[in-house]
Amino acid sequence: MLDVLYEDNHLLVVNKPALLPTMGVAEDRSSLLAVAKQYVRRKYNKPGNVYLGIVSRLDAPVTGVVLIARTSKAAGRLAEQFRDRQVEKTYWALVEGRAAVEDQKLVDYMRKDERHRRMHIAAKDAPGAQLAELSFRSLVTPRVSPKSAVSLIEVTPLTGRKHQIRVQLSQAGLPIVGDRKYGGSVQFSPGIALHSRRLVVDHPVSKMQIVFETPPPHSWQRFLEH
């Protein structure tokens, strides 16, 4: 079942569940792209192949807003916005430890470890190293238990590197809850406690600014107090 947040002739915006890959998997495995194509095919009675272009991609264990273009023209215009950093992306994360109240900025260099299929922090002059920047702030609300060793933070990535938020927060001593690949030790299921909370883009045709938001999934509730 596809959780559709917004839909028109040019865009399809959905709330991705945990553990569903966005795209790029074997044909015998399900993906968000395949589910979305099936949704469009059935709703609009479209025979044959359906064009959809993933514009914002999330790691399989991550939840939240994913932007999909319904035409190649829309895909190209949206990709240009991402490339020129004209898009506002906001994530929420539950992290181990106590995040400082003050706004923080992380600046690192990252490279891919092909052998172990993961990203890691590297020296600036290391082969293949790419600049990775993000800012984050603690969300100080009464919903987070003062007795818990878990902090709720809001993250704004300033670059778009693979696994960037996961790697940089872990390097800063704040691994994401459930993310055992990058140092997490607190149990969490399904997926990890990283959520694409908010996405702001200009509509590819009308040029109007449009905002997409979705709350974190129910699996977060045991870490949050009402």
N, C-alpha and C. Protein backbone atom coordinates (compact mmCIF):
# COMPACT_ATOMS: atom_id res chain seq x y z
N MET A 1 0.85 -1.19 0.00
CA MET A 1 0.00 0.00 0.00
C MET A 1 0.89 1.24 0.00
N LEU A 2 0.68 2.12 -0.98
CA LEU A 2 1.49 3.31 -1.12
C LEU A 2 0.88 4.45 -0.30
N ASP A 3 1.69 5.08 0.54
CA ASP A 3 1.25 6.21 1.36
C ASP A 3 1.55 7.49 0.58
N VAL A 4 0.54 7.99 -0.13
CA VAL A 4 0.72 9.15 -1.01
C VAL A 4 0.48 10.44 -0.23
N LEU A 5 1.48 11.34 -0.27
CA LEU A 5 1.37 12.63 0.40
C LEU A 5 0.86 13.72 -0.53
N TYR A 6 1.19 13.59 -1.82
CA TYR A 6 0.80 14.61 -2.80
C TYR A 6 0.87 13.99 -4.20
N GLU A 7 -0.01 14.47 -5.06
CA GLU A 7 -0.03 13.90 -6.41
C GLU A 7 -0.65 14.89 -7.38
N ASP A 8 -0.02 15.08 -8.53
CA ASP A 8 -0.62 15.81 -9.62
C ASP A 8 -0.08 15.22 -10.93
N ASN A 9 -0.25 15.91 -12.04
CA ASN A 9 0.19 15.37 -13.32
C ASN A 9 1.70 15.31 -13.48
N HIS A 10 2.42 15.99 -12.58
CA HIS A 10 3.86 16.10 -12.72
C HIS A 10 4.64 15.44 -11.57
N LEU A 11 4.00 15.33 -10.41
CA LEU A 11 4.68 14.84 -9.21
C LEU A 11 3.89 13.74 -8.51
N LEU A 12 4.63 12.88 -7.84
CA LEU A 12 4.07 11.90 -6.91
C LEU A 12 4.99 11.89 -5.71
N VAL A 13 4.46 12.31 -4.57
CA VAL A 13 5.25 12.39 -3.35
C VAL A 13 4.71 11.38 -2.36
N VAL A 14 5.59 10.53 -1.83
CA VAL A 14 5.14 9.43 -0.97
C VAL A 14 5.94 9.38 0.33
N ASN A 15 5.37 8.69 1.29
CA ASN A 15 6.01 8.45 2.58
C ASN A 15 6.58 7.03 2.56
N LYS A 16 7.89 6.90 2.45
CA LYS A 16 8.51 5.58 2.32
C LYS A 16 8.57 4.86 3.66
N PRO A 17 8.15 3.60 3.69
CA PRO A 17 8.29 2.82 4.93
C PRO A 17 9.71 2.29 5.09
N ALA A 18 10.03 1.85 6.29
CA ALA A 18 11.34 1.28 6.56
C ALA A 18 11.53 -0.04 5.83
N LEU A 19 12.75 -0.31 5.44
CA LEU A 19 13.21 -1.56 4.85
C LEU A 19 12.79 -1.78 3.40
N LEU A 20 12.07 -0.85 2.82
CA LEU A 20 11.72 -0.94 1.40
C LEU A 20 12.75 -0.14 0.61
N PRO A 21 13.58 -0.79 -0.22
CA PRO A 21 14.56 -0.05 -1.02
C PRO A 21 13.85 0.94 -1.95
N THR A 22 14.47 2.07 -2.18
CA THR A 22 13.87 3.06 -3.08
C THR A 22 13.86 2.54 -4.51
N MET A 23 14.98 1.99 -4.95
CA MET A 23 15.11 1.49 -6.32
C MET A 23 16.43 0.71 -6.42
N GLY A 24 16.72 0.21 -7.62
CA GLY A 24 18.02 -0.41 -7.86
C GLY A 24 18.21 -1.78 -7.26
N VAL A 25 17.14 -2.57 -7.17
CA VAL A 25 17.26 -3.93 -6.63
C VAL A 25 16.90 -4.94 -7.72
N ALA A 26 17.14 -6.21 -7.47
CA ALA A 26 16.83 -7.26 -8.43
C ALA A 26 15.33 -7.30 -8.70
N GLU A 27 14.96 -7.80 -9.85
CA GLU A 27 13.56 -7.81 -10.28
C GLU A 27 12.65 -8.62 -9.35
N ASP A 28 13.24 -9.60 -8.66
CA ASP A 28 12.41 -10.41 -7.77
C ASP A 28 12.23 -9.78 -6.38
N ARG A 29 12.81 -8.60 -6.19
CA ARG A 29 12.66 -7.88 -4.92
C ARG A 29 11.78 -6.65 -5.11
N SER A 30 11.00 -6.35 -4.10
CA SER A 30 10.13 -5.18 -4.17
C SER A 30 10.93 -3.90 -3.93
N SER A 31 10.46 -2.80 -4.50
CA SER A 31 11.09 -1.50 -4.30
C SER A 31 10.00 -0.44 -4.31
N LEU A 32 10.32 0.74 -3.78
CA LEU A 32 9.36 1.83 -3.78
C LEU A 32 8.99 2.22 -5.20
N LEU A 33 9.97 2.23 -6.09
CA LEU A 33 9.70 2.59 -7.48
C LEU A 33 8.73 1.61 -8.13
N ALA A 34 8.92 0.33 -7.89
CA ALA A 34 8.03 -0.69 -8.47
C ALA A 34 6.62 -0.56 -7.91
N VAL A 35 6.50 -0.32 -6.61
CA VAL A 35 5.18 -0.16 -5.99
C VAL A 35 4.49 1.09 -6.53
N ALA A 36 5.25 2.18 -6.70
CA ALA A 36 4.68 3.42 -7.22
C ALA A 36 4.22 3.25 -8.66
N LYS A 37 4.98 2.53 -9.47
CA LYS A 37 4.57 2.30 -10.86
C LYS A 37 3.28 1.48 -10.91
N GLN A 38 3.19 0.49 -10.04
CA GLN A 38 1.97 -0.32 -9.99
C GLN A 38 0.77 0.53 -9.57
N TYR A 39 0.99 1.44 -8.64
CA TYR A 39 -0.08 2.34 -8.18
C TYR A 39 -0.58 3.21 -9.33
N VAL A 40 0.34 3.83 -10.08
CA VAL A 40 -0.03 4.70 -11.20
C VAL A 40 -0.72 3.89 -12.29
N ARG A 41 -0.20 2.70 -12.56
CA ARG A 41 -0.75 1.85 -13.61
C ARG A 41 -2.22 1.49 -13.30
N ARG A 42 -2.48 1.15 -12.05
CA ARG A 42 -3.83 0.76 -11.66
C ARG A 42 -4.78 1.97 -11.57
N LYS A 43 -4.32 3.05 -10.97
CA LYS A 43 -5.19 4.20 -10.75
C LYS A 43 -5.61 4.86 -12.05
N TYR A 44 -4.66 4.94 -13.00
CA TYR A 44 -4.95 5.64 -14.25
C TYR A 44 -5.16 4.70 -15.44
N ASN A 45 -5.22 3.40 -15.12
CA ASN A 45 -5.45 2.40 -16.16
C ASN A 45 -4.46 2.55 -17.32
N LYS A 46 -3.20 2.60 -16.96
CA LYS A 46 -2.15 2.79 -17.96
C LYS A 46 -1.55 1.43 -18.34
N PRO A 47 -1.75 0.99 -19.56
CA PRO A 47 -1.14 -0.27 -20.00
C PRO A 47 0.35 -0.06 -20.31
N GLY A 48 1.10 -1.14 -20.27
CA GLY A 48 2.51 -1.05 -20.64
C GLY A 48 3.36 -0.38 -19.58
N ASN A 49 4.50 0.16 -20.02
CA ASN A 49 5.47 0.75 -19.11
C ASN A 49 5.01 2.11 -18.61
N VAL A 50 5.24 2.39 -17.34
CA VAL A 50 4.91 3.68 -16.72
C VAL A 50 6.21 4.41 -16.40
N TYR A 51 6.31 5.67 -16.82
CA TYR A 51 7.51 6.44 -16.48
C TYR A 51 7.37 7.07 -15.10
N LEU A 52 8.34 6.82 -14.26
CA LEU A 52 8.49 7.53 -12.98
C LEU A 52 9.98 7.72 -12.75
N GLY A 53 10.35 8.90 -12.29
CA GLY A 53 11.76 9.18 -12.01
C GLY A 53 11.95 9.53 -10.55
N ILE A 54 12.74 8.74 -9.84
CA ILE A 54 13.04 9.03 -8.43
C ILE A 54 13.95 10.25 -8.37
N VAL A 55 13.52 11.27 -7.66
CA VAL A 55 14.30 12.51 -7.56
C VAL A 55 15.05 12.56 -6.23
N SER A 56 14.42 12.16 -5.15
CA SER A 56 15.08 12.13 -3.83
C SER A 56 15.08 10.69 -3.34
N ARG A 57 16.24 10.16 -3.12
CA ARG A 57 16.39 8.74 -2.78
C ARG A 57 16.76 8.58 -1.31
N LEU A 58 16.16 7.58 -0.64
CA LEU A 58 16.48 7.28 0.75
C LEU A 58 17.06 5.89 0.86
N ASP A 59 17.97 5.70 1.82
CA ASP A 59 18.48 4.36 2.11
C ASP A 59 17.32 3.46 2.53
N ALA A 60 17.45 2.17 2.31
CA ALA A 60 16.37 1.23 2.61
C ALA A 60 15.85 1.33 4.05
N PRO A 61 16.72 1.45 5.08
CA PRO A 61 16.19 1.49 6.45
C PRO A 61 15.60 2.83 6.87
N VAL A 62 15.71 3.85 6.02
CA VAL A 62 15.26 5.20 6.35
C VAL A 62 13.81 5.40 5.89
N THR A 63 13.04 6.18 6.64
CA THR A 63 11.64 6.44 6.32
C THR A 63 11.45 7.89 5.88
N GLY A 64 10.25 8.17 5.33
CA GLY A 64 9.88 9.55 5.10
C GLY A 64 9.67 9.97 3.66
N VAL A 65 9.70 11.28 3.44
CA VAL A 65 9.33 11.90 2.17
C VAL A 65 10.27 11.49 1.04
N VAL A 66 9.68 11.00 -0.04
CA VAL A 66 10.41 10.71 -1.28
C VAL A 66 9.68 11.40 -2.43
N LEU A 67 10.43 12.14 -3.22
CA LEU A 67 9.88 12.90 -4.35
C LEU A 67 10.09 12.12 -5.64
N ILE A 68 9.00 11.91 -6.38
CA ILE A 68 9.04 11.16 -7.64
C ILE A 68 8.45 12.04 -8.74
N ALA A 69 9.14 12.10 -9.87
CA ALA A 69 8.65 12.85 -11.03
C ALA A 69 7.83 11.93 -11.92
N ARG A 70 6.73 12.46 -12.45
CA ARG A 70 5.88 11.66 -13.32
C ARG A 70 6.18 11.90 -14.80
N THR A 71 7.03 12.88 -15.10
CA THR A 71 7.46 13.12 -16.48
C THR A 71 8.96 13.36 -16.50
N SER A 72 9.58 13.12 -17.65
CA SER A 72 11.02 13.33 -17.75
C SER A 72 11.37 14.81 -17.63
N LYS A 73 10.49 15.68 -18.11
CA LYS A 73 10.74 17.12 -18.00
C LYS A 73 10.75 17.55 -16.53
N ALA A 74 9.79 17.06 -15.76
CA ALA A 74 9.75 17.37 -14.33
C ALA A 74 10.97 16.81 -13.62
N ALA A 75 11.38 15.60 -13.99
CA ALA A 75 12.57 14.99 -13.37
C ALA A 75 13.80 15.84 -13.61
N GLY A 76 13.97 16.34 -14.84
CA GLY A 76 15.13 17.15 -15.17
C GLY A 76 15.15 18.46 -14.40
N ARG A 77 14.01 19.11 -14.31
CA ARG A 77 13.94 20.40 -13.60
C ARG A 77 14.15 20.23 -12.10
N LEU A 78 13.61 19.17 -11.54
CA LEU A 78 13.80 18.91 -10.11
C LEU A 78 15.24 18.52 -9.80
N ALA A 79 15.84 17.71 -10.66
CA ALA A 79 17.23 17.31 -10.47
C ALA A 79 18.15 18.52 -10.48
N GLU A 80 17.81 19.49 -11.29
CA GLU A 80 18.60 20.73 -11.35
C GLU A 80 18.51 21.49 -10.04
N GLN A 81 17.33 21.52 -9.43
CA GLN A 81 17.18 22.17 -8.13
C GLN A 81 18.05 21.50 -7.06
N PHE A 82 18.06 20.17 -7.07
CA PHE A 82 18.89 19.44 -6.11
C PHE A 82 20.37 19.71 -6.36
N ARG A 83 20.74 19.70 -7.62
CA ARG A 83 22.14 19.92 -7.99
C ARG A 83 22.63 21.32 -7.58
N ASP A 84 21.74 22.30 -7.72
CA ASP A 84 22.09 23.69 -7.39
C ASP A 84 21.80 24.04 -5.93
N ARG A 85 21.44 23.06 -5.12
CA ARG A 85 21.17 23.23 -3.69
C ARG A 85 20.07 24.25 -3.44
N GLN A 86 19.02 24.20 -4.25
CA GLN A 86 17.88 25.08 -4.09
C GLN A 86 16.75 24.40 -3.32
N VAL A 87 17.00 23.20 -2.87
CA VAL A 87 15.99 22.39 -2.16
C VAL A 87 16.27 22.42 -0.67
N GLU A 88 15.22 22.50 0.13
CA GLU A 88 15.37 22.45 1.58
C GLU A 88 14.99 21.06 2.08
N LYS A 89 15.96 20.35 2.65
CA LYS A 89 15.73 19.00 3.16
C LYS A 89 15.91 18.99 4.68
N THR A 90 14.95 18.42 5.38
CA THR A 90 15.02 18.34 6.83
C THR A 90 14.74 16.92 7.28
N TYR A 91 15.62 16.40 8.12
CA TYR A 91 15.47 15.05 8.67
C TYR A 91 15.33 15.14 10.18
N TRP A 92 14.63 14.17 10.74
CA TRP A 92 14.64 13.97 12.18
C TRP A 92 15.39 12.66 12.46
N ALA A 93 16.09 12.65 13.57
CA ALA A 93 16.83 11.44 13.96
C ALA A 93 16.79 11.28 15.47
N LEU A 94 16.67 10.03 15.89
CA LEU A 94 16.89 9.67 17.29
C LEU A 94 18.33 9.16 17.37
N VAL A 95 19.12 9.80 18.22
CA VAL A 95 20.54 9.43 18.30
C VAL A 95 20.89 9.03 19.73
N GLU A 96 21.89 8.17 19.84
CA GLU A 96 22.37 7.75 21.15
C GLU A 96 23.22 8.86 21.75
N GLY A 97 22.99 9.14 23.03
CA GLY A 97 23.73 10.20 23.70
C GLY A 97 22.90 11.46 23.81
N ARG A 98 23.50 12.48 24.40
CA ARG A 98 22.79 13.74 24.61
C ARG A 98 23.38 14.81 23.68
N ALA A 99 22.59 15.22 22.70
CA ALA A 99 23.04 16.25 21.76
C ALA A 99 23.02 17.61 22.45
N ALA A 100 24.00 18.45 22.13
CA ALA A 100 24.05 19.79 22.68
C ALA A 100 22.85 20.60 22.21
N VAL A 101 22.41 21.52 23.05
CA VAL A 101 21.25 22.34 22.72
C VAL A 101 21.58 23.29 21.57
N GLU A 102 22.82 23.79 21.54
CA GLU A 102 23.21 24.76 20.52
C GLU A 102 23.25 24.12 19.14
N ASP A 103 23.00 24.92 18.10
CA ASP A 103 23.11 24.45 16.73
C ASP A 103 24.54 24.00 16.46
N GLN A 104 24.68 22.90 15.76
CA GLN A 104 25.99 22.33 15.47
C GLN A 104 26.17 22.19 13.96
N LYS A 105 27.40 22.30 13.49
CA LYS A 105 27.71 22.05 12.08
C LYS A 105 28.84 21.04 12.00
N LEU A 106 28.68 20.04 11.14
CA LEU A 106 29.71 19.03 10.93
C LEU A 106 30.27 19.16 9.52
N VAL A 107 31.58 19.21 9.41
CA VAL A 107 32.26 19.28 8.12
C VAL A 107 33.30 18.17 8.08
N ASP A 108 33.13 17.24 7.17
CA ASP A 108 34.03 16.09 7.05
C ASP A 108 34.29 15.81 5.58
N TYR A 109 35.18 14.86 5.35
CA TYR A 109 35.38 14.31 4.01
C TYR A 109 35.07 12.82 4.07
N MET A 110 34.37 12.32 3.07
CA MET A 110 33.93 10.94 3.06
C MET A 110 34.38 10.25 1.78
N ARG A 111 34.58 8.95 1.91
CA ARG A 111 34.87 8.14 0.72
C ARG A 111 34.22 6.77 0.88
N LYS A 112 34.08 6.08 -0.22
CA LYS A 112 33.41 4.78 -0.22
C LYS A 112 34.41 3.66 -0.01
N ASP A 113 34.04 2.74 0.86
CA ASP A 113 34.82 1.52 1.08
C ASP A 113 34.13 0.42 0.27
N GLU A 114 34.63 0.18 -0.93
CA GLU A 114 33.99 -0.78 -1.84
C GLU A 114 33.98 -2.18 -1.25
N ARG A 115 35.06 -2.55 -0.59
CA ARG A 115 35.18 -3.91 -0.07
C ARG A 115 34.09 -4.23 0.95
N HIS A 116 33.80 -3.26 1.85
CA HIS A 116 32.83 -3.51 2.91
C HIS A 116 31.48 -2.85 2.62
N ARG A 117 31.35 -2.23 1.45
CA ARG A 117 30.10 -1.62 1.00
C ARG A 117 29.56 -0.64 2.03
N ARG A 118 30.40 0.29 2.42
CA ARG A 118 30.01 1.32 3.38
C ARG A 118 30.83 2.58 3.14
N MET A 119 30.38 3.68 3.72
CA MET A 119 31.10 4.94 3.62
C MET A 119 31.87 5.18 4.92
N HIS A 120 32.95 5.94 4.82
CA HIS A 120 33.67 6.28 6.04
C HIS A 120 34.34 7.65 5.91
N ILE A 121 34.70 8.22 7.05
CA ILE A 121 35.39 9.50 7.09
C ILE A 121 36.81 9.31 6.57
N ALA A 122 37.26 10.27 5.78
CA ALA A 122 38.59 10.16 5.18
C ALA A 122 39.32 11.50 5.28
N ALA A 123 40.61 11.46 5.00
CA ALA A 123 41.39 12.69 4.92
C ALA A 123 40.97 13.48 3.69
N LYS A 124 41.16 14.77 3.75
CA LYS A 124 40.74 15.65 2.66
C LYS A 124 41.39 15.27 1.34
N ASP A 125 42.65 14.83 1.40
CA ASP A 125 43.39 14.53 0.17
C ASP A 125 43.38 13.04 -0.18
N ALA A 126 42.53 12.25 0.50
CA ALA A 126 42.45 10.82 0.19
C ALA A 126 41.79 10.63 -1.17
N PRO A 127 42.20 9.62 -1.93
CA PRO A 127 41.58 9.36 -3.24
C PRO A 127 40.06 9.15 -3.11
N GLY A 128 39.29 9.86 -3.90
CA GLY A 128 37.85 9.71 -3.89
C GLY A 128 37.13 10.42 -2.78
N ALA A 129 37.85 11.17 -1.94
CA ALA A 129 37.22 11.85 -0.82
C ALA A 129 36.34 13.01 -1.31
N GLN A 130 35.16 13.15 -0.71
CA GLN A 130 34.22 14.21 -1.06
C GLN A 130 33.80 14.97 0.19
N LEU A 131 33.64 16.28 0.04
CA LEU A 131 33.21 17.12 1.15
C LEU A 131 31.79 16.76 1.58
N ALA A 132 31.58 16.67 2.89
CA ALA A 132 30.25 16.38 3.46
C ALA A 132 29.98 17.39 4.57
N GLU A 133 28.88 18.10 4.45
CA GLU A 133 28.51 19.11 5.43
C GLU A 133 27.06 18.93 5.85
N LEU A 134 26.80 19.12 7.12
CA LEU A 134 25.43 19.14 7.62
C LEU A 134 25.38 19.99 8.88
N SER A 135 24.18 20.45 9.21
CA SER A 135 23.96 21.13 10.49
C SER A 135 22.84 20.39 11.22
N PHE A 136 22.84 20.48 12.53
CA PHE A 136 21.77 19.86 13.30
C PHE A 136 21.54 20.62 14.59
N ARG A 137 20.35 20.42 15.12
CA ARG A 137 19.99 21.05 16.38
C ARG A 137 19.14 20.08 17.20
N SER A 138 19.26 20.21 18.50
CA SER A 138 18.46 19.37 19.40
C SER A 138 17.04 19.92 19.45
N LEU A 139 16.07 19.03 19.34
CA LEU A 139 14.67 19.44 19.48
C LEU A 139 14.29 19.29 20.95
N VAL A 140 14.38 20.38 21.68
CA VAL A 140 14.14 20.35 23.12
C VAL A 140 12.65 20.48 23.37
N THR A 141 11.99 19.35 23.54
CA THR A 141 10.56 19.33 23.81
C THR A 141 10.30 18.35 24.95
N PRO A 142 9.19 18.48 25.66
CA PRO A 142 8.88 17.56 26.76
C PRO A 142 8.56 16.15 26.29
N ARG A 143 8.47 15.95 24.97
CA ARG A 143 8.16 14.62 24.46
C ARG A 143 9.34 13.66 24.61
N VAL A 144 10.56 14.20 24.74
CA VAL A 144 11.73 13.35 24.88
C VAL A 144 11.99 13.12 26.36
N SER A 145 12.09 11.88 26.74
CA SER A 145 12.26 11.54 28.15
C SER A 145 13.58 12.08 28.70
N PRO A 146 13.56 12.82 29.81
CA PRO A 146 14.81 13.33 30.39
C PRO A 146 15.68 12.21 30.95
N LYS A 147 15.10 11.04 31.17
CA LYS A 147 15.87 9.91 31.69
C LYS A 147 16.49 9.06 30.58
N SER A 148 16.11 9.34 29.37
CA SER A 148 16.57 8.52 28.25
C SER A 148 17.95 8.95 27.78
N ALA A 149 18.75 7.98 27.32
CA ALA A 149 20.06 8.28 26.74
C ALA A 149 19.93 8.47 25.24
N VAL A 150 18.77 8.92 24.82
CA VAL A 150 18.50 9.14 23.40
C VAL A 150 18.05 10.57 23.20
N SER A 151 18.57 11.23 22.15
CA SER A 151 18.19 12.60 21.84
C SER A 151 17.44 12.65 20.52
N LEU A 152 16.48 13.56 20.44
CA LEU A 152 15.78 13.82 19.20
C LEU A 152 16.40 15.06 18.56
N ILE A 153 16.91 14.93 17.35
CA ILE A 153 17.55 16.06 16.69
C ILE A 153 16.96 16.29 15.30
N GLU A 154 17.12 17.51 14.83
CA GLU A 154 16.71 17.88 13.47
C GLU A 154 17.97 18.14 12.66
N VAL A 155 18.05 17.51 11.50
CA VAL A 155 19.27 17.55 10.69
C VAL A 155 18.98 18.21 9.34
N THR A 156 19.87 19.10 8.93
CA THR A 156 19.78 19.71 7.61
C THR A 156 21.05 19.38 6.83
N PRO A 157 21.00 18.44 5.90
CA PRO A 157 22.19 18.14 5.10
C PRO A 157 22.46 19.27 4.11
N LEU A 158 23.70 19.70 4.03
CA LEU A 158 24.09 20.76 3.10
C LEU A 158 24.74 20.21 1.84
N THR A 159 25.12 18.95 1.89
CA THR A 159 25.59 18.21 0.72
C THR A 159 24.81 16.90 0.66
N GLY A 160 24.93 16.17 -0.42
CA GLY A 160 24.12 14.96 -0.59
C GLY A 160 24.94 13.70 -0.79
N ARG A 161 25.81 13.40 0.13
CA ARG A 161 26.64 12.20 0.02
C ARG A 161 25.91 10.96 0.52
N LYS A 162 26.27 9.82 -0.03
CA LYS A 162 25.66 8.56 0.38
C LYS A 162 25.93 8.29 1.86
N HIS A 163 24.89 7.93 2.60
CA HIS A 163 24.98 7.61 4.03
C HIS A 163 25.53 8.76 4.86
N GLN A 164 25.48 9.97 4.33
CA GLN A 164 26.15 11.11 4.97
C GLN A 164 25.71 11.35 6.40
N ILE A 165 24.40 11.44 6.63
CA ILE A 165 23.91 11.75 7.97
C ILE A 165 24.32 10.66 8.94
N ARG A 166 24.20 9.42 8.53
CA ARG A 166 24.52 8.29 9.38
C ARG A 166 26.00 8.29 9.77
N VAL A 167 26.86 8.53 8.79
CA VAL A 167 28.31 8.49 9.03
C VAL A 167 28.76 9.69 9.87
N GLN A 168 28.31 10.88 9.51
CA GLN A 168 28.79 12.07 10.22
C GLN A 168 28.31 12.12 11.66
N LEU A 169 27.06 11.73 11.91
CA LEU A 169 26.58 11.72 13.29
C LEU A 169 27.32 10.68 14.12
N SER A 170 27.58 9.52 13.52
CA SER A 170 28.34 8.49 14.24
C SER A 170 29.75 8.99 14.57
N GLN A 171 30.38 9.66 13.62
CA GLN A 171 31.71 10.22 13.84
C GLN A 171 31.71 11.25 14.97
N ALA A 172 30.58 11.96 15.11
CA ALA A 172 30.45 12.99 16.15
C ALA A 172 30.05 12.40 17.50
N GLY A 173 29.96 11.07 17.60
CA GLY A 173 29.59 10.42 18.85
C GLY A 173 28.10 10.34 19.09
N LEU A 174 27.31 10.50 18.02
CA LEU A 174 25.85 10.45 18.13
C LEU A 174 25.29 9.47 17.10
N PRO A 175 25.61 8.19 17.22
CA PRO A 175 25.09 7.23 16.23
C PRO A 175 23.57 7.15 16.26
N ILE A 176 22.98 6.92 15.10
CA ILE A 176 21.53 6.84 15.00
C ILE A 176 21.03 5.55 15.64
N VAL A 177 19.96 5.66 16.39
CA VAL A 177 19.36 4.49 17.06
C VAL A 177 19.02 3.42 16.02
N GLY A 178 19.49 2.21 16.27
CA GLY A 178 19.21 1.09 15.39
C GLY A 178 20.19 0.91 14.25
N ASP A 179 21.10 1.87 14.05
CA ASP A 179 22.01 1.82 12.91
C ASP A 179 23.31 1.09 13.27
N ARG A 180 23.22 -0.22 13.34
CA ARG A 180 24.38 -1.03 13.74
C ARG A 180 25.53 -0.93 12.74
N LYS A 181 25.20 -0.65 11.50
CA LYS A 181 26.24 -0.52 10.47
C LYS A 181 27.20 0.61 10.80
N TYR A 182 26.69 1.65 11.45
CA TYR A 182 27.51 2.82 11.76
C TYR A 182 27.52 3.13 13.26
N GLY A 183 27.66 2.10 14.07
CA GLY A 183 27.96 2.29 15.48
C GLY A 183 26.80 2.32 16.44
N GLY A 184 25.58 2.15 15.97
CA GLY A 184 24.43 2.15 16.88
C GLY A 184 24.38 0.88 17.72
N SER A 185 23.96 1.01 18.99
CA SER A 185 23.88 -0.16 19.87
C SER A 185 22.48 -0.35 20.45
N VAL A 186 21.64 0.67 20.37
CA VAL A 186 20.28 0.58 20.90
C VAL A 186 19.40 -0.12 19.87
N GLN A 187 18.61 -1.08 20.33
CA GLN A 187 17.74 -1.84 19.43
C GLN A 187 16.61 -0.97 18.90
N PHE A 188 16.30 -1.18 17.63
CA PHE A 188 15.23 -0.43 16.97
C PHE A 188 14.76 -1.24 15.77
N SER A 189 13.44 -1.29 15.58
CA SER A 189 12.91 -2.05 14.45
C SER A 189 11.51 -1.53 14.12
N PRO A 190 11.19 -1.46 12.82
CA PRO A 190 12.04 -1.82 11.68
C PRO A 190 12.91 -0.66 11.24
N GLY A 191 14.00 -0.97 10.54
CA GLY A 191 14.88 0.06 10.01
C GLY A 191 15.70 0.76 11.08
N ILE A 192 15.99 2.04 10.85
CA ILE A 192 16.75 2.86 11.79
C ILE A 192 15.95 4.13 12.06
N ALA A 193 16.31 4.85 13.11
CA ALA A 193 15.54 6.02 13.53
C ALA A 193 16.01 7.29 12.81
N LEU A 194 15.96 7.24 11.49
CA LEU A 194 16.25 8.41 10.65
C LEU A 194 15.08 8.59 9.71
N HIS A 195 14.54 9.82 9.68
CA HIS A 195 13.27 10.07 8.98
C HIS A 195 13.36 11.35 8.16
N SER A 196 13.03 11.25 6.89
CA SER A 196 12.95 12.44 6.03
C SER A 196 11.66 13.17 6.37
N ARG A 197 11.79 14.18 7.19
CA ARG A 197 10.63 14.85 7.80
C ARG A 197 9.99 15.90 6.88
N ARG A 198 10.83 16.65 6.14
CA ARG A 198 10.30 17.80 5.39
C ARG A 198 11.13 18.03 4.13
N LEU A 199 10.43 18.34 3.04
CA LEU A 199 11.10 18.64 1.78
C LEU A 199 10.40 19.84 1.14
N VAL A 200 11.20 20.85 0.77
CA VAL A 200 10.67 22.06 0.16
C VAL A 200 11.31 22.23 -1.22
N VAL A 201 10.48 22.28 -2.26
CA VAL A 201 10.98 22.45 -3.63
C VAL A 201 10.08 23.44 -4.36
N ASP A 202 10.56 23.90 -5.52
CA ASP A 202 9.71 24.67 -6.42
C ASP A 202 9.06 23.70 -7.40
N HIS A 203 7.74 23.83 -7.57
CA HIS A 203 7.04 22.95 -8.50
C HIS A 203 7.67 23.08 -9.89
N PRO A 204 7.94 21.96 -10.57
CA PRO A 204 8.66 22.02 -11.85
C PRO A 204 7.91 22.74 -12.97
N VAL A 205 6.60 22.93 -12.83
CA VAL A 205 5.82 23.60 -13.88
C VAL A 205 5.29 24.95 -13.41
N SER A 206 4.61 24.98 -12.27
CA SER A 206 4.03 26.24 -11.78
C SER A 206 5.07 27.17 -11.16
N LYS A 207 6.21 26.60 -10.74
CA LYS A 207 7.30 27.34 -10.09
C LYS A 207 6.94 27.79 -8.67
N MET A 208 5.77 27.42 -8.20
CA MET A 208 5.36 27.77 -6.84
C MET A 208 6.13 26.89 -5.84
N GLN A 209 6.52 27.50 -4.72
CA GLN A 209 7.18 26.71 -3.68
C GLN A 209 6.16 25.78 -3.05
N ILE A 210 6.56 24.54 -2.83
CA ILE A 210 5.65 23.55 -2.28
C ILE A 210 6.37 22.78 -1.17
N VAL A 211 5.65 22.52 -0.09
CA VAL A 211 6.23 21.90 1.10
C VAL A 211 5.57 20.54 1.35
N PHE A 212 6.39 19.53 1.57
CA PHE A 212 5.90 18.19 1.88
C PHE A 212 6.42 17.80 3.26
N GLU A 213 5.53 17.33 4.13
CA GLU A 213 5.90 16.93 5.49
C GLU A 213 5.19 15.64 5.87
N THR A 214 5.84 14.87 6.71
CA THR A 214 5.19 13.68 7.26
C THR A 214 5.82 13.37 8.61
N PRO A 215 5.03 12.97 9.60
CA PRO A 215 5.57 12.67 10.93
C PRO A 215 6.33 11.35 10.93
N PRO A 216 7.20 11.14 11.92
CA PRO A 216 7.92 9.87 12.00
C PRO A 216 6.98 8.72 12.27
N PRO A 217 7.39 7.50 11.93
CA PRO A 217 6.50 6.34 12.08
C PRO A 217 6.23 5.97 13.53
N HIS A 218 5.27 5.09 13.71
CA HIS A 218 4.84 4.67 15.05
C HIS A 218 5.97 4.02 15.84
N SER A 219 6.94 3.43 15.16
CA SER A 219 8.04 2.74 15.84
C SER A 219 8.89 3.68 16.70
N TRP A 220 8.74 4.99 16.53
CA TRP A 220 9.48 5.95 17.34
C TRP A 220 8.84 6.16 18.72
N GLN A 221 7.60 5.76 18.88
CA GLN A 221 6.83 6.17 20.05
C GLN A 221 7.41 5.70 21.38
N ARG A 222 8.06 4.56 21.40
CA ARG A 222 8.58 4.09 22.69
C ARG A 222 9.74 4.95 23.18
N PHE A 223 10.31 5.76 22.29
CA PHE A 223 11.39 6.67 22.70
C PHE A 223 10.86 8.06 23.02
N LEU A 224 9.59 8.29 22.76
CA LEU A 224 9.02 9.61 22.97
C LEU A 224 7.89 9.53 23.99
N GLU A 225 7.79 10.53 24.82
CA GLU A 225 6.73 10.58 25.84
C GLU A 225 5.70 11.61 25.44
N HIS A 226 4.43 11.28 25.62
CA HIS A 226 3.36 12.23 25.32
C HIS A 226 3.26 13.24 26.47
